[in-house]
C-alpha atoms as a PDB file:
ATOM      1  CA  MET A   1      14.270  21.147  46.209  1.00  0.00           C
ATOM      2  CA  SER A   2      11.053  20.828  48.094  1.00  0.00           C
ATOM      3  CA  GLN A   3       9.460  17.441  48.326  1.00  0.00           C
ATOM      4  CA  GLN A   4       5.852  17.402  47.124  1.00  0.00           C
ATOM      5  CA  THR A   5       3.571  15.655  49.575  1.00  0.00           C
ATOM      6  CA  ASN A   6       0.002  14.584  49.096  1.00  0.00           C
ATOM      7  CA  ARG A   7      -2.695  16.235  51.147  1.00  0.00           C
ATOM      8  CA  LYS A   8      -5.928  14.655  52.266  1.00  0.00           C
ATOM      9  CA  TYR A   9      -9.225  16.294  51.359  1.00  0.00           C
ATOM     10  CA  ASN A  10     -12.867  15.667  52.079  1.00  0.00           C
ATOM     11  CA  VAL A  11     -14.877  16.898  49.105  1.00  0.00           C
ATOM     12  CA  THR A  12     -18.618  17.475  49.085  1.00  0.00           C
ATOM     13  CA  ILE A  13     -19.993  17.589  45.553  1.00  0.00           C
ATOM     14  CA  ILE A  14     -23.485  18.777  44.688  1.00  0.00           C
ATOM     15  CA  LEU A  15     -24.751  17.320  41.440  1.00  0.00           C
ATOM     16  CA  ASP A  16     -27.254  18.818  39.032  1.00  0.00           C
ATOM     17  CA  SER A  17     -28.981  15.717  37.705  1.00  0.00           C
ATOM     18  CA  ARG A  18     -31.971  17.426  36.114  1.00  0.00           C
ATOM     19  CA  GLY A  19     -32.599  15.776  32.769  1.00  0.00           C
ATOM     20  CA  TYR A  20     -29.889  13.158  33.368  1.00  0.00           C
ATOM     21  CA  ASP A  21     -31.219   9.703  32.465  1.00  0.00           C
ATOM     22  CA  SER A  22     -28.309   7.442  33.468  1.00  0.00           C
ATOM     23  CA  PRO A  23     -27.799   6.233  37.053  1.00  0.00           C
ATOM     24  CA  VAL A  24     -25.800   8.379  39.470  1.00  0.00           C
ATOM     25  CA  GLU A  25     -23.096   5.687  39.558  1.00  0.00           C
ATOM     26  CA  THR A  26     -21.904   6.872  36.128  1.00  0.00           C
ATOM     27  CA  ILE A  27     -21.313  10.347  37.567  1.00  0.00           C
ATOM     28  CA  GLU A  28     -19.471   8.782  40.512  1.00  0.00           C
ATOM     29  CA  GLU A  29     -17.154   6.990  38.075  1.00  0.00           C
ATOM     30  CA  LYS A  30     -16.644  10.236  36.158  1.00  0.00           C
ATOM     31  CA  VAL A  31     -15.686  12.132  39.349  1.00  0.00           C
ATOM     32  CA  SER A  32     -13.238   9.363  40.342  1.00  0.00           C
ATOM     33  CA  GLY A  33     -11.699   9.453  36.875  1.00  0.00           C
ATOM     34  CA  ILE A  34     -11.226  13.228  36.973  1.00  0.00           C
ATOM     35  CA  MET A  35      -9.587  13.034  40.414  1.00  0.00           C
ATOM     36  CA  GLN A  36      -7.186  10.356  39.156  1.00  0.00           C
ATOM     37  CA  GLU A  37      -6.367  12.368  36.006  1.00  0.00           C
ATOM     38  CA  LEU A  38      -5.383  15.283  38.240  1.00  0.00           C
ATOM     39  CA  GLY A  39      -3.030  13.144  40.333  1.00  0.00           C
ATOM     40  CA  GLY A  40      -5.379  12.308  43.188  1.00  0.00           C
ATOM     41  CA  THR A  41      -6.160   8.976  44.787  1.00  0.00           C
ATOM     42  CA  VAL A  42      -9.798   8.387  45.740  1.00  0.00           C
ATOM     43  CA  ASP A  43      -9.919   6.685  49.141  1.00  0.00           C
ATOM     44  CA  SER A  44     -13.716   6.500  49.386  1.00  0.00           C
ATOM     45  CA  LEU A  45     -16.740   7.825  47.550  1.00  0.00           C
ATOM     46  CA  GLU A  46     -20.172   7.844  49.160  1.00  0.00           C
ATOM     47  CA  ASN A  47     -23.502   8.808  47.651  1.00  0.00           C
ATOM     48  CA  LEU A  48     -25.296  10.831  50.346  1.00  0.00           C
ATOM     49  CA  GLY A  49     -28.554  10.763  48.410  1.00  0.00           C
ATOM     50  CA  ARG A  50     -30.918  13.536  47.484  1.00  0.00           C
ATOM     51  CA  ARG A  51     -31.050  16.473  49.886  1.00  0.00           C
ATOM     52  CA  ASP A  52     -32.944  19.752  49.886  1.00  0.00           C
ATOM     53  CA  PHE A  53     -31.000  22.987  49.536  1.00  0.00           C
ATOM     54  CA  SER A  54     -31.062  25.335  52.518  1.00  0.00           C
ATOM     55  CA  ARG A  55     -31.309  28.278  50.118  1.00  0.00           C
ATOM     56  CA  ILE A  56     -33.130  27.812  46.827  1.00  0.00           C
ATOM     57  CA  THR A  57     -31.495  29.792  44.022  1.00  0.00           C
ATOM     58  CA  GLU A  58     -33.537  28.428  41.118  1.00  0.00           C
ATOM     59  CA  LYS A  59     -37.297  28.174  41.206  1.00  0.00           C
ATOM     60  CA  GLY A  60     -38.387  24.558  40.833  1.00  0.00           C
ATOM     61  CA  HIS A  61     -34.989  23.125  41.819  1.00  0.00           C
ATOM     62  CA  ALA A  62     -35.223  22.609  45.572  1.00  0.00           C
ATOM     63  CA  GLY A  63     -32.571  19.903  45.981  1.00  0.00           C
ATOM     64  CA  ASP A  64     -30.317  17.357  44.338  1.00  0.00           C
ATOM     65  CA  THR A  65     -27.849  14.531  44.933  1.00  0.00           C
ATOM     66  CA  TYR A  66     -24.783  14.996  47.143  1.00  0.00           C
ATOM     67  CA  LEU A  67     -21.535  13.006  47.010  1.00  0.00           C
ATOM     68  CA  SER A  68     -18.852  12.785  49.700  1.00  0.00           C
ATOM     69  CA  VAL A  69     -15.369  11.963  48.437  1.00  0.00           C
ATOM     70  CA  ASP A  70     -12.235  11.326  50.519  1.00  0.00           C
ATOM     71  CA  VAL A  71      -9.227  11.935  48.297  1.00  0.00           C
ATOM     72  CA  SER A  72      -5.498  12.503  48.682  1.00  0.00           C
ATOM     73  CA  GLY A  73      -3.558  14.470  46.126  1.00  0.00           C
ATOM     74  CA  PRO A  74      -1.295  17.420  45.401  1.00  0.00           C
ATOM     75  CA  ALA A  75      -1.864  20.884  46.835  1.00  0.00           C
ATOM     76  CA  ASN A  76      -3.245  22.175  43.536  1.00  0.00           C
ATOM     77  CA  LEU A  77      -5.957  19.466  43.359  1.00  0.00           C
ATOM     78  CA  PRO A  78      -8.843  21.725  44.517  1.00  0.00           C
ATOM     79  CA  ALA A  79      -8.050  24.465  41.986  1.00  0.00           C
ATOM     80  CA  ALA A  80      -7.381  21.967  39.198  1.00  0.00           C
ATOM     81  CA  PHE A  81     -10.669  20.120  39.883  1.00  0.00           C
ATOM     82  CA  GLN A  82     -12.629  23.375  39.914  1.00  0.00           C
ATOM     83  CA  GLU A  83     -11.076  24.423  36.603  1.00  0.00           C
ATOM     84  CA  ARG A  84     -11.599  20.989  35.015  1.00  0.00           C
ATOM     85  CA  THR A  85     -15.303  20.844  35.977  1.00  0.00           C
ATOM     86  CA  ARG A  86     -16.092  24.542  35.530  1.00  0.00           C
ATOM     87  CA  LEU A  87     -18.177  23.977  32.400  1.00  0.00           C
ATOM     88  CA  ASP A  88     -19.563  20.571  33.392  1.00  0.00           C
ATOM     89  CA  ARG A  89     -23.311  20.916  33.869  1.00  0.00           C
ATOM     90  CA  LEU A  90     -23.578  17.780  36.018  1.00  0.00           C
ATOM     91  CA  ILE A  91     -21.366  19.125  38.814  1.00  0.00           C
ATOM     92  CA  LYS A  92     -23.085  22.107  40.389  1.00  0.00           C
ATOM     93  CA  ARG A  93     -20.575  22.751  43.180  1.00  0.00           C
ATOM     94  CA  ALA A  94     -17.539  21.116  44.786  1.00  0.00           C
ATOM     95  CA  MET A  95     -16.398  22.125  48.275  1.00  0.00           C
ATOM     96  CA  PHE A  96     -12.937  20.969  49.376  1.00  0.00           C
ATOM     97  CA  LYS A  97     -12.019  20.684  53.046  1.00  0.00           C
ATOM     98  CA  SER A  98      -8.629  19.617  54.377  1.00  0.00           C
ATOM     99  CA  ALA A  99      -8.918  16.372  56.284  1.00  0.00           C
END
């Protein structure tokens, strides 16, 4: 009989927008929609712009767009988001941090 409480997270998402023709705002809407599908509430979403990677893992891909998302949701939100976006080419990495 435990009461489920929402936790607050700050999520940094690195996008892989190579070959993507639409504006980044469409990806922002997609990320918000996924968070809401998984039971989260997006408090704020900020486009941090294009940044260079500190460690280049792919030749010719030195940086990409970063998003910062403040979200509150259930404890399984990080794992559920990772599983939901695992095969999505547009989302390179998502790092969850408790806020």
